[in-house]
Amino acid sequence: MIRAACLCVAVLGVGSSLLAQEAVSPGNGAVLRLLDKLTGDVQDLTMQNGMVENFGRIAVTLRECRFPAGNPAGDAYAFVIVEEMGKEEPVFSGWMVGSSPALNPMDHSRYDVWPLRCTTS
């Protein structure tokens, strides 16, 4: 049984704000792309919800991934937590949107992380 939920994404326009709502379904994981800007190393990680993966000096946790209802190949909305060795607070914690990584990007001098798609199996 697939439960539909609503994920609201705020998009700011010039001089006004728009609010887009889309019915979404939960995935059981996601494919995330990780980039080390210093070495040029790129990895695509297939992760299950709740899983933690290490990449260089960061640990990436995928909390949840959602996709447009009825369209698992559609956009990915992933809740990601990124922690860096030696730092107490996460360097990123929040929703990332696959088709619009700049909407809520991780701001880190060395690493970049973004979702590519949700997984359903």
PDB file of N, CA and C in Angstrom:
ATOM      1  N   MET A   1       0.839  -1.174   0.000  1.00  0.00           N
ATOM      2  CA  MET A   1       0.000   0.000   0.000  1.00  0.00           C
ATOM      3  C   MET A   1       0.883   1.236   0.000  1.00  0.00           C
ATOM      4  N   ILE A   2       0.623   2.150  -0.896  1.00  0.00           N
ATOM      5  CA  ILE A   2       1.389   3.394  -0.982  1.00  0.00           C
ATOM      6  C   ILE A   2       0.574   4.505  -0.338  1.00  0.00           C
ATOM      7  N   ARG A   3       1.205   5.159   0.633  1.00  0.00           N
ATOM      8  CA  ARG A   3       0.557   6.296   1.279  1.00  0.00           C
ATOM      9  C   ARG A   3       0.981   7.561   0.566  1.00  0.00           C
ATOM     10  N   ALA A   4       0.037   8.410   0.299  1.00  0.00           N
ATOM     11  CA  ALA A   4       0.362   9.699  -0.326  1.00  0.00           C
ATOM     12  C   ALA A   4       0.460  10.741   0.775  1.00  0.00           C
ATOM     13  N   ALA A   5       1.390  11.618   0.647  1.00  0.00           N
ATOM     14  CA  ALA A   5       1.564  12.705   1.600  1.00  0.00           C
ATOM     15  C   ALA A   5       1.741  13.981   0.808  1.00  0.00           C
ATOM     16  N   CYS A   6       1.786  15.083   1.509  1.00  0.00           N
ATOM     17  CA  CYS A   6       1.973  16.362   0.826  1.00  0.00           C
ATOM     18  C   CYS A   6       3.285  16.969   1.276  1.00  0.00           C
ATOM     19  N   LEU A   7       4.115  17.267   0.341  1.00  0.00           N
ATOM     20  CA  LEU A   7       5.361  17.976   0.612  1.00  0.00           C
ATOM     21  C   LEU A   7       5.216  19.342  -0.031  1.00  0.00           C
ATOM     22  N   CYS A   8       5.351  20.377   0.749  1.00  0.00           N
ATOM     23  CA  CYS A   8       5.200  21.735   0.229  1.00  0.00           C
ATOM     24  C   CYS A   8       6.576  22.332   0.017  1.00  0.00           C
ATOM     25  N   VAL A   9       6.795  22.855  -1.159  1.00  0.00           N
ATOM     26  CA  VAL A   9       8.062  23.468  -1.506  1.00  0.00           C
ATOM     27  C   VAL A   9       7.803  24.929  -1.827  1.00  0.00           C
ATOM     28  N   ALA A  10       8.471  25.810  -1.110  1.00  0.00           N
ATOM     29  CA  ALA A  10       8.301  27.237  -1.368  1.00  0.00           C
ATOM     30  C   ALA A  10       9.295  27.670  -2.428  1.00  0.00           C
ATOM     31  N   VAL A  11       8.802  28.382  -3.400  1.00  0.00           N
ATOM     32  CA  VAL A  11       9.644  28.905  -4.469  1.00  0.00           C
ATOM     33  C   VAL A  11       9.487  30.415  -4.465  1.00  0.00           C
ATOM     34  N   LEU A  12      10.603  31.119  -4.325  1.00  0.00           N
ATOM     35  CA  LEU A  12      10.541  32.572  -4.300  1.00  0.00           C
ATOM     36  C   LEU A  12      10.752  33.127  -5.688  1.00  0.00           C
ATOM     37  N   GLY A  13       9.858  34.003  -6.099  1.00  0.00           N
ATOM     38  CA  GLY A  13       9.974  34.656  -7.391  1.00  0.00           C
ATOM     39  C   GLY A  13      10.351  36.109  -7.196  1.00  0.00           C
ATOM     40  N   VAL A  14      10.605  36.789  -8.267  1.00  0.00           N
ATOM     41  CA  VAL A  14      10.974  38.197  -8.194  1.00  0.00           C
ATOM     42  C   VAL A  14       9.754  38.999  -7.754  1.00  0.00           C
ATOM     43  N   GLY A  15       9.859  39.627  -6.596  1.00  0.00           N
ATOM     44  CA  GLY A  15       8.789  40.493  -6.115  1.00  0.00           C
ATOM     45  C   GLY A  15       7.580  39.760  -5.561  1.00  0.00           C
ATOM     46  N   SER A  16       7.555  38.440  -5.594  1.00  0.00           N
ATOM     47  CA  SER A  16       6.421  37.713  -5.042  1.00  0.00           C
ATOM     48  C   SER A  16       6.884  36.329  -4.639  1.00  0.00           C
ATOM     49  N   SER A  17       6.051  35.657  -3.866  1.00  0.00           N
ATOM     50  CA  SER A  17       6.385  34.277  -3.514  1.00  0.00           C
ATOM     51  C   SER A  17       5.277  33.371  -4.012  1.00  0.00           C
ATOM     52  N   LEU A  18       5.678  32.230  -4.475  1.00  0.00           N
ATOM     53  CA  LEU A  18       4.755  31.232  -4.984  1.00  0.00           C
ATOM     54  C   LEU A  18       4.864  30.005  -4.107  1.00  0.00           C
ATOM     55  N   LEU A  19       3.760  29.305  -3.901  1.00  0.00           N
ATOM     56  CA  LEU A  19       3.779  28.084  -3.115  1.00  0.00           C
ATOM     57  C   LEU A  19       3.239  26.965  -3.975  1.00  0.00           C
ATOM     58  N   ALA A  20       4.069  25.970  -4.216  1.00  0.00           N
ATOM     59  CA  ALA A  20       3.664  24.822  -5.021  1.00  0.00           C
ATOM     60  C   ALA A  20       3.470  23.631  -4.105  1.00  0.00           C
ATOM     61  N   GLN A  21       2.378  22.895  -4.294  1.00  0.00           N
ATOM     62  CA  GLN A  21       2.113  21.701  -3.527  1.00  0.00           C
ATOM     63  C   GLN A  21       1.928  20.550  -4.498  1.00  0.00           C
ATOM     64  N   GLU A  22       2.480  19.399  -4.129  1.00  0.00           N
ATOM     65  CA  GLU A  22       2.404  18.234  -4.983  1.00  0.00           C
ATOM     66  C   GLU A  22       2.184  17.020  -4.104  1.00  0.00           C
ATOM     67  N   ALA A  23       1.247  16.151  -4.492  1.00  0.00           N
ATOM     68  CA  ALA A  23       1.039  14.912  -3.758  1.00  0.00           C
ATOM     69  C   ALA A  23       2.235  14.008  -4.008  1.00  0.00           C
ATOM     70  N   VAL A  24       2.772  13.435  -2.932  1.00  0.00           N
ATOM     71  CA  VAL A  24       3.957  12.601  -3.043  1.00  0.00           C
ATOM     72  C   VAL A  24       3.729  11.246  -2.391  1.00  0.00           C
ATOM     73  N   SER A  25       4.556  10.285  -2.786  1.00  0.00           N
ATOM     74  CA  SER A  25       4.561   8.949  -2.211  1.00  0.00           C
ATOM     75  C   SER A  25       5.936   8.701  -1.614  1.00  0.00           C
ATOM     76  N   PRO A  26       5.998   7.888  -0.558  1.00  0.00           N
ATOM     77  CA  PRO A  26       7.296   7.619   0.047  1.00  0.00           C
ATOM     78  C   PRO A  26       8.083   6.568  -0.725  1.00  0.00           C
ATOM     79  N   GLY A  27       9.365   6.803  -0.878  1.00  0.00           N
ATOM     80  CA  GLY A  27      10.273   5.797  -1.414  1.00  0.00           C
ATOM     81  C   GLY A  27      10.941   5.099  -0.244  1.00  0.00           C
ATOM     82  N   ASN A  28      11.614   3.991  -0.503  1.00  0.00           N
ATOM     83  CA  ASN A  28      12.304   3.331   0.603  1.00  0.00           C
ATOM     84  C   ASN A  28      13.789   3.675   0.630  1.00  0.00           C
ATOM     85  N   GLY A  29      14.225   4.546  -0.279  1.00  0.00           N
ATOM     86  CA  GLY A  29      15.616   4.972  -0.326  1.00  0.00           C
ATOM     87  C   GLY A  29      15.817   5.953  -1.449  1.00  0.00           C
ATOM     88  N   ALA A  30      17.083   6.224  -1.743  1.00  0.00           N
ATOM     89  CA  ALA A  30      17.406   7.198  -2.788  1.00  0.00           C
ATOM     90  C   ALA A  30      18.798   6.928  -3.343  1.00  0.00           C
ATOM     91  N   VAL A  31      19.033   7.493  -4.516  1.00  0.00           N
ATOM     92  CA  VAL A  31      20.375   7.544  -5.086  1.00  0.00           C
ATOM     93  C   VAL A  31      20.837   8.983  -4.922  1.00  0.00           C
ATOM     94  N   LEU A  32      21.925   9.161  -4.182  1.00  0.00           N
ATOM     95  CA  LEU A  32      22.494  10.480  -3.952  1.00  0.00           C
ATOM     96  C   LEU A  32      23.828  10.580  -4.674  1.00  0.00           C
ATOM     97  N   ARG A  33      24.104  11.736  -5.226  1.00  0.00           N
ATOM     98  CA  ARG A  33      25.405  11.988  -5.864  1.00  0.00           C
ATOM     99  C   ARG A  33      26.233  12.833  -4.902  1.00  0.00           C
ATOM    100  N   LEU A  34      27.477  12.408  -4.684  1.00  0.00           N
ATOM    101  CA  LEU A  34      28.398  13.108  -3.804  1.00  0.00           C
ATOM    102  C   LEU A  34      29.614  13.517  -4.602  1.00  0.00           C
ATOM    103  N   LEU A  35      30.073  14.743  -4.371  1.00  0.00           N
ATOM    104  CA  LEU A  35      31.216  15.300  -5.080  1.00  0.00           C
ATOM    105  C   LEU A  35      32.220  15.846  -4.087  1.00  0.00           C
ATOM    106  N   ASP A  36      33.482  15.447  -4.248  1.00  0.00           N
ATOM    107  CA  ASP A  36      34.586  16.056  -3.519  1.00  0.00           C
ATOM    108  C   ASP A  36      35.184  17.085  -4.480  1.00  0.00           C
ATOM    109  N   LYS A  37      34.964  18.353  -4.215  1.00  0.00           N
ATOM    110  CA  LYS A  37      35.399  19.415  -5.120  1.00  0.00           C
ATOM    111  C   LYS A  37      36.921  19.542  -5.179  1.00  0.00           C
ATOM    112  N   LEU A  38      37.598  19.075  -4.151  1.00  0.00           N
ATOM    113  CA  LEU A  38      39.054  19.182  -4.111  1.00  0.00           C
ATOM    114  C   LEU A  38      39.717  18.119  -5.001  1.00  0.00           C
ATOM    115  N   THR A  39      39.246  16.872  -4.918  1.00  0.00           N
ATOM    116  CA  THR A  39      39.856  15.780  -5.678  1.00  0.00           C
ATOM    117  C   THR A  39      39.133  15.477  -6.984  1.00  0.00           C
ATOM    118  N   GLY A  40      37.891  15.972  -7.118  1.00  0.00           N
ATOM    119  CA  GLY A  40      37.092  15.678  -8.298  1.00  0.00           C
ATOM    120  C   GLY A  40      36.406  14.325  -8.224  1.00  0.00           C
ATOM    121  N   ASP A  41      36.521  13.635  -7.088  1.00  0.00           N
ATOM    122  CA  ASP A  41      35.900  12.320  -6.910  1.00  0.00           C
ATOM    123  C   ASP A  41      34.379  12.475  -6.856  1.00  0.00           C
ATOM    124  N   VAL A  42      33.684  11.671  -7.663  1.00  0.00           N
ATOM    125  CA  VAL A  42      32.219  11.669  -7.694  1.00  0.00           C
ATOM    126  C   VAL A  42      31.748  10.254  -7.410  1.00  0.00           C
ATOM    127  N   GLN A  43      30.764  10.119  -6.529  1.00  0.00           N
ATOM    128  CA  GLN A  43      30.175   8.813  -6.240  1.00  0.00           C
ATOM    129  C   GLN A  43      28.667   8.932  -6.231  1.00  0.00           C
ATOM    130  N   ASP A  44      28.010   7.927  -6.816  1.00  0.00           N
ATOM    131  CA  ASP A  44      26.565   7.798  -6.697  1.00  0.00           C
ATOM    132  C   ASP A  44      26.305   6.707  -5.677  1.00  0.00           C
ATOM    133  N   LEU A  45      25.631   7.065  -4.580  1.00  0.00           N
ATOM    134  CA  LEU A  45      25.345   6.116  -3.512  1.00  0.00           C
ATOM    135  C   LEU A  45      23.878   5.749  -3.519  1.00  0.00           C
ATOM    136  N   THR A  46      23.588   4.458  -3.536  1.00  0.00           N
ATOM    137  CA  THR A  46      22.221   3.972  -3.363  1.00  0.00           C
ATOM    138  C   THR A  46      22.051   3.686  -1.888  1.00  0.00           C
ATOM    139  N   MET A  47      21.154   4.437  -1.251  1.00  0.00           N
ATOM    140  CA  MET A  47      20.970   4.341   0.191  1.00  0.00           C
ATOM    141  C   MET A  47      19.521   4.023   0.534  1.00  0.00           C
ATOM    142  N   GLN A  48      19.313   3.270   1.590  1.00  0.00           N
ATOM    143  CA  GLN A  48      17.985   3.033   2.139  1.00  0.00           C
ATOM    144  C   GLN A  48      17.689   4.138   3.152  1.00  0.00           C
ATOM    145  N   ASN A  49      16.411   4.427   3.380  1.00  0.00           N
ATOM    146  CA  ASN A  49      16.035   5.409   4.391  1.00  0.00           C
ATOM    147  C   ASN A  49      16.646   5.003   5.734  1.00  0.00           C
ATOM    148  N   GLY A  50      17.230   5.964   6.443  1.00  0.00           N
ATOM    149  CA  GLY A  50      17.850   5.713   7.736  1.00  0.00           C
ATOM    150  C   GLY A  50      19.309   5.292   7.661  1.00  0.00           C
ATOM    151  N   MET A  51      19.819   5.072   6.470  1.00  0.00           N
ATOM    152  CA  MET A  51      21.189   4.603   6.277  1.00  0.00           C
ATOM    153  C   MET A  51      22.180   5.757   6.369  1.00  0.00           C
ATOM    154  N   VAL A  52      23.410   5.450   6.839  1.00  0.00           N
ATOM    155  CA  VAL A  52      24.497   6.428   6.918  1.00  0.00           C
ATOM    156  C   VAL A  52      25.654   5.902   6.067  1.00  0.00           C
ATOM    157  N   GLU A  53      26.212   6.777   5.225  1.00  0.00           N
ATOM    158  CA  GLU A  53      27.374   6.431   4.400  1.00  0.00           C
ATOM    159  C   GLU A  53      28.452   7.487   4.608  1.00  0.00           C
ATOM    160  N   ASN A  54      29.705   7.041   4.647  1.00  0.00           N
ATOM    161  CA  ASN A  54      30.838   7.955   4.765  1.00  0.00           C
ATOM    162  C   ASN A  54      31.417   8.236   3.391  1.00  0.00           C
ATOM    163  N   PHE A  55      31.840   9.478   3.203  1.00  0.00           N
ATOM    164  CA  PHE A  55      32.473   9.916   1.961  1.00  0.00           C
ATOM    165  C   PHE A  55      33.517  10.944   2.350  1.00  0.00           C
ATOM    166  N   GLY A  56      34.787  10.567   2.268  1.00  0.00           N
ATOM    167  CA  GLY A  56      35.835  11.490   2.702  1.00  0.00           C
ATOM    168  C   GLY A  56      35.665  11.818   4.168  1.00  0.00           C
ATOM    169  N   ARG A  57      35.548  13.100   4.478  1.00  0.00           N
ATOM    170  CA  ARG A  57      35.410  13.556   5.869  1.00  0.00           C
ATOM    171  C   ARG A  57      33.969  13.817   6.288  1.00  0.00           C
ATOM    172  N   ILE A  58      33.002  13.411   5.454  1.00  0.00           N
ATOM    173  CA  ILE A  58      31.600  13.632   5.815  1.00  0.00           C
ATOM    174  C   ILE A  58      30.857  12.301   5.955  1.00  0.00           C
ATOM    175  N   ALA A  59      29.810  12.344   6.755  1.00  0.00           N
ATOM    176  CA  ALA A  59      28.887  11.219   6.901  1.00  0.00           C
ATOM    177  C   ALA A  59      27.517  11.713   6.432  1.00  0.00           C
ATOM    178  N   VAL A  60      26.919  10.997   5.493  1.00  0.00           N
ATOM    179  CA  VAL A  60      25.635  11.386   4.911  1.00  0.00           C
ATOM    180  C   VAL A  60      24.562  10.429   5.406  1.00  0.00           C
ATOM    181  N   THR A  61      23.505  10.989   5.988  1.00  0.00           N
ATOM    182  CA  THR A  61      22.365  10.199   6.451  1.00  0.00           C
ATOM    183  C   THR A  61      21.166  10.535   5.590  1.00  0.00           C
ATOM    184  N   LEU A  62      20.527   9.510   5.029  1.00  0.00           N
ATOM    185  CA  LEU A  62      19.274   9.692   4.297  1.00  0.00           C
ATOM    186  C   LEU A  62      18.142   9.367   5.250  1.00  0.00           C
ATOM    187  N   ARG A  63      17.359  10.349   5.620  1.00  0.00           N
ATOM    188  CA  ARG A  63      16.220  10.124   6.508  1.00  0.00           C
ATOM    189  C   ARG A  63      15.010   9.599   5.735  1.00  0.00           C
ATOM    190  N   GLU A  64      14.752  10.241   4.571  1.00  0.00           N
ATOM    191  CA  GLU A  64      13.537   9.909   3.834  1.00  0.00           C
ATOM    192  C   GLU A  64      13.645  10.411   2.409  1.00  0.00           C
ATOM    193  N   CYS A  65      12.993   9.713   1.487  1.00  0.00           N
ATOM    194  CA  CYS A  65      12.906  10.176   0.107  1.00  0.00           C
ATOM    195  C   CYS A  65      11.449  10.056  -0.344  1.00  0.00           C
ATOM    196  N   ARG A  66      10.963  11.062  -1.017  1.00  0.00           N
ATOM    197  CA  ARG A  66       9.587  11.075  -1.553  1.00  0.00           C
ATOM    198  C   ARG A  66       9.638  11.429  -3.030  1.00  0.00           C
ATOM    199  N   PHE A  67       8.633  10.963  -3.765  1.00  0.00           N
ATOM    200  CA  PHE A  67       8.554  11.228  -5.202  1.00  0.00           C
ATOM    201  C   PHE A  67       7.113  11.570  -5.547  1.00  0.00           C
ATOM    202  N   PRO A  68       6.865  12.202  -6.714  1.00  0.00           N
ATOM    203  CA  PRO A  68       5.499  12.551  -7.098  1.00  0.00           C
ATOM    204  C   PRO A  68       4.619  11.297  -7.122  1.00  0.00           C
ATOM    205  N   ALA A  69       3.427  11.410  -6.547  1.00  0.00           N
ATOM    206  CA  ALA A  69       2.507  10.266  -6.468  1.00  0.00           C
ATOM    207  C   ALA A  69       2.289   9.661  -7.848  1.00  0.00           C
ATOM    208  N   GLY A  70       2.475   8.353  -7.947  1.00  0.00           N
ATOM    209  CA  GLY A  70       2.260   7.644  -9.200  1.00  0.00           C
ATOM    210  C   GLY A  70       3.394   7.770 -10.202  1.00  0.00           C
ATOM    211  N   ASN A  71       4.491   8.439  -9.826  1.00  0.00           N
ATOM    212  CA  ASN A  71       5.590   8.654 -10.759  1.00  0.00           C
ATOM    213  C   ASN A  71       6.936   8.445 -10.057  1.00  0.00           C
ATOM    214  N   PRO A  72       7.307   7.173  -9.776  1.00  0.00           N
ATOM    215  CA  PRO A  72       8.565   6.927  -9.059  1.00  0.00           C
ATOM    216  C   PRO A  72       9.800   7.415  -9.804  1.00  0.00           C
ATOM    217  N   ALA A  73       9.708   7.571 -11.112  1.00  0.00           N
ATOM    218  CA  ALA A  73      10.847   8.072 -11.890  1.00  0.00           C
ATOM    219  C   ALA A  73      10.886   9.595 -11.898  1.00  0.00           C
ATOM    220  N   GLY A  74       9.896  10.229 -11.263  1.00  0.00           N
ATOM    221  CA  GLY A  74       9.833  11.691 -11.249  1.00  0.00           C
ATOM    222  C   GLY A  74      10.827  12.291 -10.276  1.00  0.00           C
ATOM    223  N   ASP A  75      10.612  13.509  -9.923  1.00  0.00           N
ATOM    224  CA  ASP A  75      11.510  14.265  -9.060  1.00  0.00           C
ATOM    225  C   ASP A  75      11.736  13.554  -7.727  1.00  0.00           C
ATOM    226  N   ALA A  76      12.867  13.828  -7.099  1.00  0.00           N
ATOM    227  CA  ALA A  76      13.188  13.261  -5.790  1.00  0.00           C
ATOM    228  C   ALA A  76      13.232  14.379  -4.760  1.00  0.00           C
ATOM    229  N   TYR A  77      12.555  14.151  -3.635  1.00  0.00           N
ATOM    230  CA  TYR A  77      12.602  15.050  -2.492  1.00  0.00           C
ATOM    231  C   TYR A  77      13.232  14.242  -1.366  1.00  0.00           C
ATOM    232  N   ALA A  78      14.440  14.573  -0.966  1.00  0.00           N
ATOM    233  CA  ALA A  78      15.168  13.778   0.015  1.00  0.00           C
ATOM    234  C   ALA A  78      15.508  14.621   1.241  1.00  0.00           C
ATOM    235  N   PHE A  79      15.237  14.045   2.426  1.00  0.00           N
ATOM    236  CA  PHE A  79      15.665  14.689   3.664  1.00  0.00           C
ATOM    237  C   PHE A  79      17.020  14.104   4.023  1.00  0.00           C
ATOM    238  N   VAL A  80      18.036  14.956   4.021  1.00  0.00           N
ATOM    239  CA  VAL A  80      19.428  14.531   4.164  1.00  0.00           C
ATOM    240  C   VAL A  80      20.080  15.280   5.319  1.00  0.00           C
ATOM    241  N   ILE A  81      20.911  14.556   6.066  1.00  0.00           N
ATOM    242  CA  ILE A  81      21.727  15.165   7.117  1.00  0.00           C
ATOM    243  C   ILE A  81      23.179  14.873   6.766  1.00  0.00           C
ATOM    244  N   VAL A  82      24.007  15.915   6.749  1.00  0.00           N
ATOM    245  CA  VAL A  82      25.430  15.759   6.435  1.00  0.00           C
ATOM    246  C   VAL A  82      26.228  16.267   7.632  1.00  0.00           C
ATOM    247  N   GLU A  83      27.077  15.392   8.163  1.00  0.00           N
ATOM    248  CA  GLU A  83      27.926  15.745   9.293  1.00  0.00           C
ATOM    249  C   GLU A  83      29.386  15.657   8.858  1.00  0.00           C
ATOM    250  N   GLU A  84      30.205  16.574   9.364  1.00  0.00           N
ATOM    251  CA  GLU A  84      31.628  16.581   9.042  1.00  0.00           C
ATOM    252  C   GLU A  84      32.421  16.197  10.282  1.00  0.00           C
ATOM    253  N   MET A  85      33.452  15.375  10.085  1.00  0.00           N
ATOM    254  CA  MET A  85      34.317  14.972  11.197  1.00  0.00           C
ATOM    255  C   MET A  85      34.865  16.208  11.896  1.00  0.00           C
ATOM    256  N   GLY A  86      34.841  16.183  13.224  1.00  0.00           N
ATOM    257  CA  GLY A  86      35.402  17.279  14.005  1.00  0.00           C
ATOM    258  C   GLY A  86      34.460  18.440  14.256  1.00  0.00           C
ATOM    259  N   LYS A  87      33.241  18.390  13.703  1.00  0.00           N
ATOM    260  CA  LYS A  87      32.273  19.465  13.923  1.00  0.00           C
ATOM    261  C   LYS A  87      31.082  18.902  14.701  1.00  0.00           C
ATOM    262  N   GLU A  88      30.612  19.681  15.670  1.00  0.00           N
ATOM    263  CA  GLU A  88      29.505  19.218  16.509  1.00  0.00           C
ATOM    264  C   GLU A  88      28.161  19.271  15.793  1.00  0.00           C
ATOM    265  N   GLU A  89      27.924  20.344  15.065  1.00  0.00           N
ATOM    266  CA  GLU A  89      26.644  20.532  14.379  1.00  0.00           C
ATOM    267  C   GLU A  89      26.721  19.998  12.951  1.00  0.00           C
ATOM    268  N   PRO A  90      25.616  19.485  12.415  1.00  0.00           N
ATOM    269  CA  PRO A  90      25.617  19.068  11.005  1.00  0.00           C
ATOM    270  C   PRO A  90      25.914  20.259  10.091  1.00  0.00           C
ATOM    271  N   VAL A  91      26.601  20.004   8.986  1.00  0.00           N
ATOM    272  CA  VAL A  91      26.846  21.063   8.012  1.00  0.00           C
ATOM    273  C   VAL A  91      25.627  21.267   7.127  1.00  0.00           C
ATOM    274  N   PHE A  92      24.719  20.274   7.112  1.00  0.00           N
ATOM    275  CA  PHE A  92      23.454  20.395   6.393  1.00  0.00           C
ATOM    276  C   PHE A  92      22.435  19.469   7.035  1.00  0.00           C
ATOM    277  N   SER A  93      21.196  19.945   7.139  1.00  0.00           N
ATOM    278  CA  SER A  93      20.082  19.135   7.598  1.00  0.00           C
ATOM    279  C   SER A  93      18.814  19.720   6.991  1.00  0.00           C
ATOM    280  N   GLY A  94      18.192  18.977   6.071  1.00  0.00           N
ATOM    281  CA  GLY A  94      16.974  19.485   5.463  1.00  0.00           C
ATOM    282  C   GLY A  94      16.605  18.744   4.191  1.00  0.00           C
ATOM    283  N   TRP A  95      15.563  19.239   3.526  1.00  0.00           N
ATOM    284  CA  TRP A  95      15.074  18.656   2.284  1.00  0.00           C
ATOM    285  C   TRP A  95      15.884  19.179   1.106  1.00  0.00           C
ATOM    286  N   MET A  96      16.235  18.277   0.208  1.00  0.00           N
ATOM    287  CA  MET A  96      16.858  18.623  -1.061  1.00  0.00           C
ATOM    288  C   MET A  96      15.919  18.184  -2.175  1.00  0.00           C
ATOM    289  N   VAL A  97      15.857  18.968  -3.246  1.00  0.00           N
ATOM    290  CA  VAL A  97      14.989  18.664  -4.380  1.00  0.00           C
ATOM    291  C   VAL A  97      15.876  18.318  -5.569  1.00  0.00           C
ATOM    292  N   GLY A  98      15.682  17.109  -6.117  1.00  0.00           N
ATOM    293  CA  GLY A  98      16.532  16.621  -7.194  1.00  0.00           C
ATOM    294  C   GLY A  98      16.580  17.531  -8.406  1.00  0.00           C
ATOM    295  N   SER A  99      15.440  18.036  -8.840  1.00  0.00           N
ATOM    296  CA  SER A  99      15.397  18.857 -10.050  1.00  0.00           C
ATOM    297  C   SER A  99      15.841  20.296  -9.801  1.00  0.00           C
ATOM    298  N   SER A 100      15.908  20.696  -8.535  1.00  0.00           N
ATOM    299  CA  SER A 100      16.298  22.070  -8.191  1.00  0.00           C
ATOM    300  C   SER A 100      17.277  22.061  -7.024  1.00  0.00           C
ATOM    301  N   PRO A 101      18.494  21.547  -7.232  1.00  0.00           N
ATOM    302  CA  PRO A 101      19.428  21.459  -6.109  1.00  0.00           C
ATOM    303  C   PRO A 101      19.775  22.813  -5.499  1.00  0.00           C
ATOM    304  N   ALA A 102      19.637  23.892  -6.245  1.00  0.00           N
ATOM    305  CA  ALA A 102      19.960  25.219  -5.723  1.00  0.00           C
ATOM    306  C   ALA A 102      18.857  25.776  -4.818  1.00  0.00           C
ATOM    307  N   LEU A 103      17.698  25.109  -4.770  1.00  0.00           N
ATOM    308  CA  LEU A 103      16.591  25.581  -3.941  1.00  0.00           C
ATOM    309  C   LEU A 103      16.963  25.540  -2.461  1.00  0.00           C
ATOM    310  N   ASN A 104      17.631  24.477  -2.032  1.00  0.00           N
ATOM    311  CA  ASN A 104      18.095  24.344  -0.646  1.00  0.00           C
ATOM    312  C   ASN A 104      19.433  23.605  -0.669  1.00  0.00           C
ATOM    313  N   PRO A 105      20.489  24.262  -1.126  1.00  0.00           N
ATOM    314  CA  PRO A 105      21.770  23.572  -1.313  1.00  0.00           C
ATOM    315  C   PRO A 105      22.564  23.416  -0.018  1.00  0.00           C
ATOM    316  N   MET A 106      23.450  22.437  -0.026  1.00  0.00           N
ATOM    317  CA  MET A 106      24.419  22.301   1.043  1.00  0.00           C
ATOM    318  C   MET A 106      25.558  23.268   0.725  1.00  0.00           C
ATOM    319  N   ASP A 107      25.860  24.158   1.643  1.00  0.00           N
ATOM    320  CA  ASP A 107      26.914  25.146   1.425  1.00  0.00           C
ATOM    321  C   ASP A 107      28.174  24.675   2.135  1.00  0.00           C
ATOM    322  N   HIS A 108      29.046  24.003   1.391  1.00  0.00           N
ATOM    323  CA  HIS A 108      30.288  23.488   1.957  1.00  0.00           C
ATOM    324  C   HIS A 108      31.416  23.773   0.971  1.00  0.00           C
ATOM    325  N   SER A 109      32.567  24.132   1.494  1.00  0.00           N
ATOM    326  CA  SER A 109      33.680  24.500   0.618  1.00  0.00           C
ATOM    327  C   SER A 109      34.267  23.310  -0.142  1.00  0.00           C
ATOM    328  N   ARG A 110      34.155  22.098   0.400  1.00  0.00           N
ATOM    329  CA  ARG A 110      34.786  20.945  -0.248  1.00  0.00           C
ATOM    330  C   ARG A 110      33.809  19.943  -0.839  1.00  0.00           C
ATOM    331  N   TYR A 111      32.668  19.723  -0.195  1.00  0.00           N
ATOM    332  CA  TYR A 111      31.769  18.652  -0.609  1.00  0.00           C
ATOM    333  C   TYR A 111      30.444  19.188  -1.123  1.00  0.00           C
ATOM    334  N   ASP A 112      29.846  18.424  -2.016  1.00  0.00           N
ATOM    335  CA  ASP A 112      28.512  18.720  -2.514  1.00  0.00           C
ATOM    336  C   ASP A 112      27.729  17.414  -2.526  1.00  0.00           C
ATOM    337  N   VAL A 113      26.456  17.492  -2.174  1.00  0.00           N
ATOM    338  CA  VAL A 113      25.570  16.329  -2.121  1.00  0.00           C
ATOM    339  C   VAL A 113      24.238  16.743  -2.717  1.00  0.00           C
ATOM    340  N   TRP A 114      23.631  15.887  -3.573  1.00  0.00           N
ATOM    341  CA  TRP A 114      22.294  16.158  -4.073  1.00  0.00           C
ATOM    342  C   TRP A 114      21.623  14.849  -4.467  1.00  0.00           C
ATOM    343  N   PRO A 115      20.283  14.809  -4.389  1.00  0.00           N
ATOM    344  CA  PRO A 115      19.553  13.585  -4.742  1.00  0.00           C
ATOM    345  C   PRO A 115      19.366  13.478  -6.265  1.00  0.00           C
ATOM    346  N   LEU A 116      19.444  12.259  -6.771  1.00  0.00           N
ATOM    347  CA  LEU A 116      19.163  12.007  -8.180  1.00  0.00           C
ATOM    348  C   LEU A 116      17.766  11.434  -8.370  1.00  0.00           C
ATOM    349  N   ARG A 117      17.417  10.446  -7.547  1.00  0.00           N
ATOM    350  CA  ARG A 117      16.090   9.813  -7.654  1.00  0.00           C
ATOM    351  C   ARG A 117      15.816   8.998  -6.389  1.00  0.00           C
ATOM    352  N   CYS A 118      14.546   8.717  -6.159  1.00  0.00           N
ATOM    353  CA  CYS A 118      14.139   7.834  -5.073  1.00  0.00           C
ATOM    354  C   CYS A 118      14.148   6.396  -5.575  1.00  0.00           C
ATOM    355  N   THR A 119      14.251   5.466  -4.656  1.00  0.00           N
ATOM    356  CA  THR A 119      14.141   4.044  -4.981  1.00  0.00           C
ATOM    357  C   THR A 119      12.880   3.496  -4.323  1.00  0.00           C
ATOM    358  N   THR A 120      12.301   2.472  -4.935  1.00  0.00           N
ATOM    359  CA  THR A 120      11.071   1.884  -4.413  1.00  0.00           C
ATOM    360  C   THR A 120      11.221   0.405  -4.100  1.00  0.00           C
ATOM    361  N   SER A 121      12.397  -0.146  -4.321  1.00  0.00           N
ATOM    362  CA  SER A 121      12.580  -1.571  -3.994  1.00  0.00           C
ATOM    363  C   SER A 121      13.925  -1.813  -3.366  1.00  0.00           C
TER     364      SER A 121
END
